[in-house]
Amino acid sequence: MPQYDAITFDTQTIERQAFNFDGPLLASFRQFHDGRIKVVISDVVAEEIKRHMIPVIADAKEKYINAVKKVQKFNLISSEASIPDLISLSPEQIAENRFFKFISDIDAEILPADPVSAAELYRRYTASLPPFSTNLKNKKHEFPDAIALLSLEKWAHQEGKRIIAVSGDKDWELFAEQSHLIDVVEDLSDGISKLLESTTGLKGLIKAYFREASEAYLAHGDQLILNFLNSSTDEITIEADGNSPYEFELTTYSVKFLSWEANVESPDGILILESKLDLVRVSVKFILEAEINGEFLLSVWDSIDHELIPLTGSEEQVTETLEATAIVDFEKEEDGSFFISNFELEPSSVWVDFGDIDPDASFYGDY
């Protein structure tokens, strides 16, 4: 396995983490502060991350203010209650502050686009070399990727470094295939894990922990891992599919995990993300049986007024097998054993087929 000296990522990698810079996975970058491993980010990517944060922050700010107004309306809090200073900042200011605090926390270096050769950029564009594709419609949209990747490659060449880049973008992958200085992986956990050396023995201990936990669960109904999983269901976003003679909208849902299996035998089933004297942070892939309850609003289309008319509600329940990844912190006891000190599922979106979605029986009355 090649030895890497630096790590980078694209915008979508951060977006998939819901811009949660204090979450366990992105916070793992802090271990590289002042260390041998450098975190480097193209300024093109840095600006794009901030730009993508702004509508997310604006939406959260609007929902917060509306919620405050609603509880004030019902006298649940004083009408004189002030909105915190943070919310008084613009979404652009909040995005700028949040992002650069993250950059400071992980001691990342932002690479300017200036050193990128215009001649090299033009050569790749005209010859349709990665990251430019042969699709003429897409080529103009690939300039930001090209500038980002060429600036990263130039930095790696000047510094004598090798970079692992985290991206699910096919163009980044194609660029890396012809680069001797950049390799691309799709998964952030995998990227961080590849930077850490000598983790084979430690990974074996974590595997053994989950094997023993699985045996205890199957033999005695031990609920420890299941309880941790069910405390993290807020990270699962359900997207609904189904069949109905009416227009339907999933209004609320709940997820309850019924059983679990840690996929510890697959190559990326357990990845070491951070290792200190008293703490080990890992990502663990799970196969989960989940009970999902959904409440739907059923409507019909009014062809005269050209709008949906709400009719009634419907409640549906399905059982699905899901795959999910958890970030788990283990602390070490004096005797060398481990215990879980923190457990969080990575944010994920799951499509669920609820089958036939019909009105509740009460809708039909006595008919």
Protein backbone atom coordinates (compact mmCIF):
# COMPACT_ATOMS: atom_id res chain seq x y z
CA MET A 1 0.00 0.00 0.00
CA PRO A 2 1.42 3.43 -0.93
CA GLN A 3 2.22 5.86 1.86
CA TYR A 4 0.27 9.09 1.72
CA ASP A 5 1.39 12.45 3.06
CA ALA A 6 -1.80 14.47 2.58
CA ILE A 7 -5.56 14.22 2.19
CA THR A 8 -8.07 16.35 0.32
CA PHE A 9 -11.77 16.18 -0.53
CA ASP A 10 -14.35 17.64 -2.89
CA THR A 11 -17.51 19.58 -2.07
CA GLN A 12 -19.86 16.59 -2.29
CA THR A 13 -17.83 14.74 0.35
CA ILE A 14 -18.50 17.51 2.88
CA GLU A 15 -22.10 17.90 1.72
CA ARG A 16 -22.74 14.19 2.36
CA GLN A 17 -21.75 14.85 5.98
CA ALA A 18 -24.44 17.57 6.14
CA PHE A 19 -21.66 20.16 6.75
CA ASN A 20 -21.40 18.78 10.30
CA PHE A 21 -17.83 19.88 10.98
CA ASP A 22 -18.11 18.83 14.64
CA GLY A 23 -19.49 15.38 13.77
CA PRO A 24 -17.25 12.42 14.54
CA LEU A 25 -16.09 11.80 10.97
CA LEU A 26 -15.11 15.34 9.96
CA ALA A 27 -13.76 15.97 13.48
CA SER A 28 -11.32 13.09 12.87
CA PHE A 29 -9.30 15.47 10.68
CA ARG A 30 -8.21 17.23 13.88
CA GLN A 31 -5.77 14.40 14.59
CA PHE A 32 -3.63 15.65 11.67
CA HIS A 33 -3.19 19.12 13.23
CA ASP A 34 0.56 19.83 13.48
CA GLY A 35 1.31 16.26 12.36
CA ARG A 36 3.03 14.55 9.44
CA ILE A 37 -0.21 14.31 7.48
CA LYS A 38 -1.37 17.53 5.82
CA VAL A 39 -4.96 18.43 4.96
CA VAL A 40 -4.98 20.44 1.72
CA ILE A 41 -7.97 22.00 -0.03
CA SER A 42 -8.14 23.80 -3.34
CA ASP A 43 -9.54 27.31 -2.95
CA VAL A 44 -12.00 26.42 -5.72
CA VAL A 45 -13.41 23.65 -3.50
CA ALA A 46 -13.29 25.89 -0.41
CA GLU A 47 -15.41 28.56 -2.10
CA GLU A 48 -17.82 25.96 -3.44
CA ILE A 49 -18.30 24.42 0.02
CA LYS A 50 -19.18 27.82 1.48
CA ARG A 51 -21.54 28.53 -1.42
CA HIS A 52 -23.35 25.22 -0.89
CA MET A 53 -23.64 25.89 2.86
CA ILE A 54 -25.49 29.18 2.41
CA PRO A 55 -28.95 27.84 1.32
CA VAL A 56 -28.78 25.11 3.99
CA ILE A 57 -28.06 27.71 6.69
CA ALA A 58 -30.72 30.08 5.32
CA ASP A 59 -33.33 27.31 5.47
CA ALA A 60 -32.34 26.33 9.03
CA LYS A 61 -32.40 29.99 10.10
CA GLU A 62 -35.88 30.52 8.64
CA LYS A 63 -37.23 27.39 10.35
CA TYR A 64 -35.70 28.46 13.67
CA ILE A 65 -37.21 31.95 13.51
CA ASN A 66 -40.63 30.56 12.54
CA ALA A 67 -40.46 28.07 15.43
CA VAL A 68 -39.61 30.87 17.89
CA LYS A 69 -42.54 32.94 16.62
CA LYS A 70 -44.89 29.97 16.95
CA VAL A 71 -43.97 29.23 20.58
CA GLN A 72 -44.20 32.97 21.36
CA LYS A 73 -47.69 32.99 19.84
CA PHE A 74 -48.80 30.31 22.30
CA ASN A 75 -47.03 32.07 25.18
CA LEU A 76 -44.65 29.17 25.70
CA ILE A 77 -41.83 31.70 25.90
CA SER A 78 -41.89 35.44 26.44
CA SER A 79 -42.70 37.54 23.41
CA GLU A 80 -39.72 39.64 24.47
CA ALA A 81 -37.34 36.70 23.99
CA SER A 82 -34.52 37.73 21.67
CA ILE A 83 -33.09 35.68 18.85
CA PRO A 84 -29.48 34.71 19.58
CA ASP A 85 -26.76 36.87 18.02
CA LEU A 86 -25.66 33.98 15.81
CA ILE A 87 -29.03 33.92 14.05
CA SER A 88 -28.80 37.67 13.50
CA LEU A 89 -25.80 37.06 11.22
CA SER A 90 -26.41 36.54 7.52
CA PRO A 91 -26.19 32.98 6.10
CA GLU A 92 -23.09 34.11 4.19
CA GLN A 93 -21.39 35.26 7.41
CA ILE A 94 -22.33 32.07 9.26
CA ALA A 95 -21.01 29.91 6.39
CA GLU A 96 -17.75 31.89 6.34
CA ASN A 97 -17.29 31.63 10.12
CA ARG A 98 -18.18 27.92 10.33
CA PHE A 99 -15.96 26.92 7.43
CA PHE A 100 -12.88 28.82 8.55
CA LYS A 101 -13.23 27.55 12.12
CA PHE A 102 -13.14 24.04 10.62
CA ILE A 103 -10.06 24.96 8.56
CA SER A 104 -8.36 26.32 11.70
CA ASP A 105 -9.30 23.29 13.83
CA ILE A 106 -7.73 20.85 11.35
CA ASP A 107 -4.82 23.14 10.34
CA ALA A 108 -5.73 22.77 6.65
CA GLU A 109 -3.85 24.57 3.90
CA ILE A 110 -5.95 26.21 1.18
CA LEU A 111 -4.17 26.07 -2.16
CA PRO A 112 -4.59 29.05 -4.49
CA ALA A 113 -5.54 28.54 -8.11
CA ASP A 114 -2.91 31.05 -9.35
CA PRO A 115 -0.10 28.51 -9.89
CA VAL A 116 -2.25 26.45 -12.29
CA SER A 117 -0.81 26.64 -15.79
CA ALA A 118 -3.25 28.15 -18.30
CA ALA A 119 -1.39 26.25 -21.03
CA GLU A 120 -1.90 22.92 -19.26
CA LEU A 121 -5.55 23.76 -18.61
CA TYR A 122 -6.06 24.59 -22.30
CA ARG A 123 -4.21 21.45 -23.43
CA ARG A 124 -6.44 19.21 -21.33
CA TYR A 125 -9.58 21.05 -22.42
CA THR A 126 -8.85 20.80 -26.16
CA ALA A 127 -7.68 17.18 -25.94
CA SER A 128 -10.59 16.12 -23.63
CA LEU A 129 -8.11 14.80 -21.06
CA PRO A 130 -9.30 14.16 -17.45
CA PRO A 131 -11.03 15.78 -15.74
CA PHE A 132 -12.50 17.10 -19.02
CA SER A 133 -14.84 14.69 -20.77
CA THR A 134 -15.56 14.25 -24.46
CA ASN A 135 -19.11 15.52 -23.86
CA LEU A 136 -19.07 19.09 -25.17
CA LYS A 137 -22.09 20.09 -23.06
CA ASN A 138 -20.32 19.08 -19.83
CA LYS A 139 -16.84 20.41 -20.57
CA LYS A 140 -17.45 24.02 -19.50
CA HIS A 141 -18.75 22.81 -16.11
CA GLU A 142 -15.55 20.83 -15.51
CA PHE A 143 -13.21 23.85 -15.29
CA PRO A 144 -13.54 24.11 -11.47
CA ASP A 145 -12.57 20.43 -11.09
CA ALA A 146 -9.67 20.88 -13.49
CA ILE A 147 -8.32 23.93 -11.64
CA ALA A 148 -8.72 22.16 -8.26
CA LEU A 149 -6.97 18.97 -9.37
CA LEU A 150 -4.12 20.71 -11.21
CA SER A 151 -3.44 22.95 -8.18
CA LEU A 152 -3.38 19.89 -5.92
CA GLU A 153 -1.06 18.01 -8.27
CA LYS A 154 1.29 21.00 -8.58
CA TRP A 155 1.45 21.34 -4.75
CA ALA A 156 2.17 17.61 -4.41
CA HIS A 157 4.98 17.85 -7.00
CA GLN A 158 6.57 20.91 -5.35
CA GLU A 159 6.34 19.46 -1.84
CA GLY A 160 7.28 15.91 -2.77
CA LYS A 161 3.99 14.60 -1.33
CA ARG A 162 1.44 11.98 -2.30
CA ILE A 163 -2.24 12.87 -1.85
CA ILE A 164 -5.28 10.72 -1.22
CA ALA A 165 -8.39 12.53 -2.46
CA VAL A 166 -11.92 11.70 -1.33
CA SER A 167 -14.47 12.11 -4.10
CA GLY A 168 -17.32 10.22 -5.71
CA ASP A 169 -16.83 12.21 -8.93
CA LYS A 170 -15.89 10.03 -11.89
CA ASP A 171 -13.81 12.86 -13.38
CA TRP A 172 -11.64 12.99 -10.26
CA GLU A 173 -11.15 9.23 -10.49
CA LEU A 174 -10.14 9.44 -14.17
CA PHE A 175 -7.68 12.24 -13.39
CA ALA A 176 -6.09 10.16 -10.62
CA GLU A 177 -5.61 7.20 -12.96
CA GLN A 178 -3.09 9.20 -14.98
CA SER A 179 -1.52 10.99 -12.00
CA HIS A 180 1.44 9.63 -10.05
CA LEU A 181 0.76 11.93 -7.12
CA ILE A 182 -3.00 11.66 -6.46
CA ASP A 183 -5.17 8.62 -5.70
CA VAL A 184 -8.94 8.82 -5.30
CA VAL A 185 -11.28 6.91 -2.98
CA GLU A 186 -15.03 7.42 -2.80
CA ASP A 187 -15.59 7.00 0.93
CA LEU A 188 -14.30 9.45 3.55
CA SER A 189 -13.83 6.74 6.17
CA ASP A 190 -11.73 4.75 3.70
CA GLY A 191 -9.63 7.81 2.89
CA ILE A 192 -8.84 8.60 6.53
CA SER A 193 -8.16 4.94 7.28
CA LYS A 194 -5.60 4.67 4.46
CA LEU A 195 -3.57 7.46 6.08
CA LEU A 196 -3.17 5.53 9.32
CA GLU A 197 -0.43 2.96 9.55
CA SER A 198 -0.02 -0.19 11.64
CA THR A 199 -3.71 -0.62 12.40
CA THR A 200 -4.00 -4.33 11.52
CA GLY A 201 -3.70 -5.56 15.12
CA LEU A 202 -6.03 -2.87 16.41
CA LYS A 203 -8.61 -3.69 13.73
CA GLY A 204 -8.49 -7.32 14.89
CA LEU A 205 -9.34 -6.27 18.45
CA ILE A 206 -12.32 -4.21 17.24
CA LYS A 207 -13.53 -7.09 15.08
CA ALA A 208 -13.33 -9.37 18.11
CA TYR A 209 -15.37 -6.86 20.14
CA PHE A 210 -18.22 -6.92 17.63
CA ARG A 211 -18.08 -10.71 17.25
CA GLU A 212 -18.46 -11.05 21.02
CA ALA A 213 -21.23 -8.43 21.07
CA SER A 214 -23.04 -10.30 18.30
CA GLU A 215 -22.76 -13.60 20.17
CA ALA A 216 -24.11 -11.96 23.35
CA TYR A 217 -26.97 -10.42 21.36
CA LEU A 218 -27.93 -13.70 19.69
CA ALA A 219 -27.50 -15.86 22.80
CA HIS A 220 -28.80 -13.60 25.55
CA GLY A 221 -30.61 -10.75 23.80
CA ASP A 222 -27.97 -8.22 24.87
CA GLN A 223 -29.38 -4.84 23.76
CA LEU A 224 -26.25 -2.66 24.02
CA ILE A 225 -25.54 -2.21 20.29
CA LEU A 226 -29.24 -2.16 19.38
CA ASN A 227 -29.83 0.63 21.90
CA PHE A 228 -26.95 2.63 20.43
CA LEU A 229 -28.39 2.17 16.95
CA ASN A 230 -31.89 3.19 17.98
CA SER A 231 -30.54 6.32 19.64
CA SER A 232 -29.20 7.44 16.22
CA THR A 233 -32.26 7.00 14.00
CA ASP A 234 -32.52 10.77 13.46
CA GLU A 235 -29.64 10.41 11.01
CA ILE A 236 -31.79 8.25 8.69
CA THR A 237 -33.82 10.19 6.12
CA ILE A 238 -36.68 8.23 4.59
CA GLU A 239 -37.80 8.89 1.01
CA ALA A 240 -41.16 7.24 0.27
CA ASP A 241 -42.33 5.30 -2.73
CA GLY A 242 -45.57 3.38 -3.12
CA ASN A 243 -48.83 2.89 -5.01
CA SER A 244 -51.99 4.95 -4.46
CA PRO A 245 -54.94 6.28 -6.47
CA TYR A 246 -54.24 9.58 -4.70
CA GLU A 247 -51.33 11.99 -4.61
CA PHE A 248 -49.38 11.19 -1.43
CA GLU A 249 -46.81 12.97 0.70
CA LEU A 250 -44.83 11.46 3.55
CA THR A 251 -45.36 13.91 6.41
CA THR A 252 -43.73 12.11 9.36
CA TYR A 253 -41.95 8.81 9.90
CA SER A 254 -40.17 6.81 12.55
CA VAL A 255 -37.48 4.16 12.32
CA LYS A 256 -36.95 1.37 14.84
CA PHE A 257 -34.14 -1.13 14.40
CA LEU A 258 -35.14 -4.69 15.23
CA SER A 259 -31.87 -6.55 14.69
CA TRP A 260 -28.29 -5.88 13.62
CA GLU A 261 -25.25 -7.51 12.10
CA ALA A 262 -21.81 -5.88 11.93
CA ASN A 263 -20.29 -6.55 8.52
CA VAL A 264 -16.83 -7.03 10.03
CA GLU A 265 -15.52 -9.56 7.50
CA SER A 266 -15.72 -7.28 4.44
CA PRO A 267 -12.49 -5.36 3.64
CA ASP A 268 -14.05 -2.01 4.56
CA GLY A 269 -16.40 -3.35 7.23
CA ILE A 270 -14.24 -1.80 9.94
CA LEU A 271 -11.92 1.12 9.29
CA ILE A 272 -9.66 2.77 11.87
CA LEU A 273 -10.20 6.54 11.73
CA GLU A 274 -8.20 7.66 14.75
CA SER A 275 -5.97 5.99 17.30
CA LYS A 276 -4.69 7.58 20.50
CA LEU A 277 -3.45 6.18 23.79
CA ASP A 278 -6.93 6.26 25.33
CA LEU A 279 -9.26 6.50 22.31
CA VAL A 280 -9.91 4.58 19.11
CA ARG A 281 -12.40 5.91 16.53
CA VAL A 282 -13.67 3.51 13.89
CA SER A 283 -16.29 3.30 11.18
CA VAL A 284 -18.41 0.14 11.21
CA LYS A 285 -20.76 -1.05 8.48
CA PHE A 286 -24.03 -2.60 9.69
CA ILE A 287 -26.79 -4.64 8.08
CA LEU A 288 -30.00 -3.72 9.89
CA GLU A 289 -33.57 -4.94 9.99
CA ALA A 290 -35.76 -1.86 10.51
CA GLU A 291 -39.43 -1.28 11.21
CA ILE A 292 -40.47 1.94 9.46
CA ASN A 293 -43.74 3.71 10.19
CA GLY A 294 -44.93 6.44 7.85
CA GLU A 295 -47.78 8.93 8.03
CA PHE A 296 -49.04 10.23 4.70
CA LEU A 297 -51.23 13.08 3.51
CA LEU A 298 -53.47 11.98 0.62
CA SER A 299 -54.72 14.58 -1.85
CA VAL A 300 -56.55 14.86 -5.17
CA TRP A 301 -55.85 17.29 -7.99
CA ASP A 302 -58.43 20.00 -8.55
CA SER A 303 -58.38 20.59 -12.32
CA ILE A 304 -60.43 23.80 -11.99
CA ASP A 305 -58.35 25.58 -9.37
CA HIS A 306 -55.17 23.75 -10.42
CA GLU A 307 -54.15 22.75 -6.93
CA LEU A 308 -53.97 19.71 -4.69
CA ILE A 309 -56.91 19.32 -2.29
CA PRO A 310 -56.05 17.43 0.95
CA LEU A 311 -58.45 14.53 1.63
CA THR A 312 -57.28 12.42 4.51
CA GLY A 313 -54.33 10.67 6.09
CA SER A 314 -52.88 7.21 5.97
CA GLU A 315 -50.52 5.27 8.23
CA GLU A 316 -48.35 2.52 6.81
CA GLN A 317 -45.74 0.20 8.30
CA VAL A 318 -43.06 -1.84 6.52
CA THR A 319 -40.01 -3.86 7.52
CA GLU A 320 -36.87 -3.26 5.48
CA THR A 321 -33.26 -4.41 5.46
CA LEU A 322 -30.97 -1.37 5.47
CA GLU A 323 -27.24 -0.79 5.29
CA ALA A 324 -25.74 1.94 7.46
CA THR A 325 -22.35 3.07 8.70
CA ALA A 326 -21.67 4.10 12.29
CA ILE A 327 -18.79 6.14 13.68
CA VAL A 328 -17.91 4.56 17.01
CA ASP A 329 -15.54 5.84 19.70
CA PHE A 330 -13.93 3.25 21.96
CA GLU A 331 -12.11 4.14 25.14
CA LYS A 332 -9.50 1.81 26.57
CA GLU A 333 -9.70 0.40 30.07
CA GLU A 334 -6.57 -0.12 32.18
CA ASP A 335 -6.77 -3.86 31.49
CA GLY A 336 -6.64 -3.21 27.71
CA SER A 337 -10.33 -3.89 27.07
CA PHE A 338 -12.63 -1.44 25.26
CA PHE A 339 -15.94 0.21 25.97
CA ILE A 340 -18.06 2.38 23.64
CA SER A 341 -18.07 6.05 24.66
CA ASN A 342 -19.84 7.49 21.61
CA PHE A 343 -21.90 6.02 18.78
CA GLU A 344 -23.37 7.92 15.81
CA LEU A 345 -24.79 6.78 12.49
CA GLU A 346 -23.56 8.61 9.44
CA PRO A 347 -26.34 10.63 7.76
CA SER A 348 -27.99 8.60 4.99
CA SER A 349 -31.05 8.74 2.79
CA VAL A 350 -33.06 5.58 2.12
CA TRP A 351 -35.82 4.94 -0.42
CA VAL A 352 -38.57 2.79 1.07
CA ASP A 353 -41.45 1.19 -0.84
CA PHE A 354 -44.52 1.39 1.41
CA GLY A 355 -46.61 -0.68 -1.05
CA ASP A 356 -50.28 0.27 -1.32
CA ILE A 357 -50.99 3.60 0.37
CA ASP A 358 -54.74 3.85 0.97
CA PRO A 359 -56.92 6.04 3.18
CA ASP A 360 -57.50 4.89 6.74
CA ALA A 361 -60.70 2.88 7.21
CA SER A 362 -62.40 5.82 8.97
CA PHE A 363 -62.30 7.77 5.68
CA TYR A 364 -64.99 5.54 4.19
CA GLY A 365 -67.33 5.81 7.20
CA ASP A 366 -70.13 3.24 7.02
CA TYR A 367 -69.65 2.49 3.33
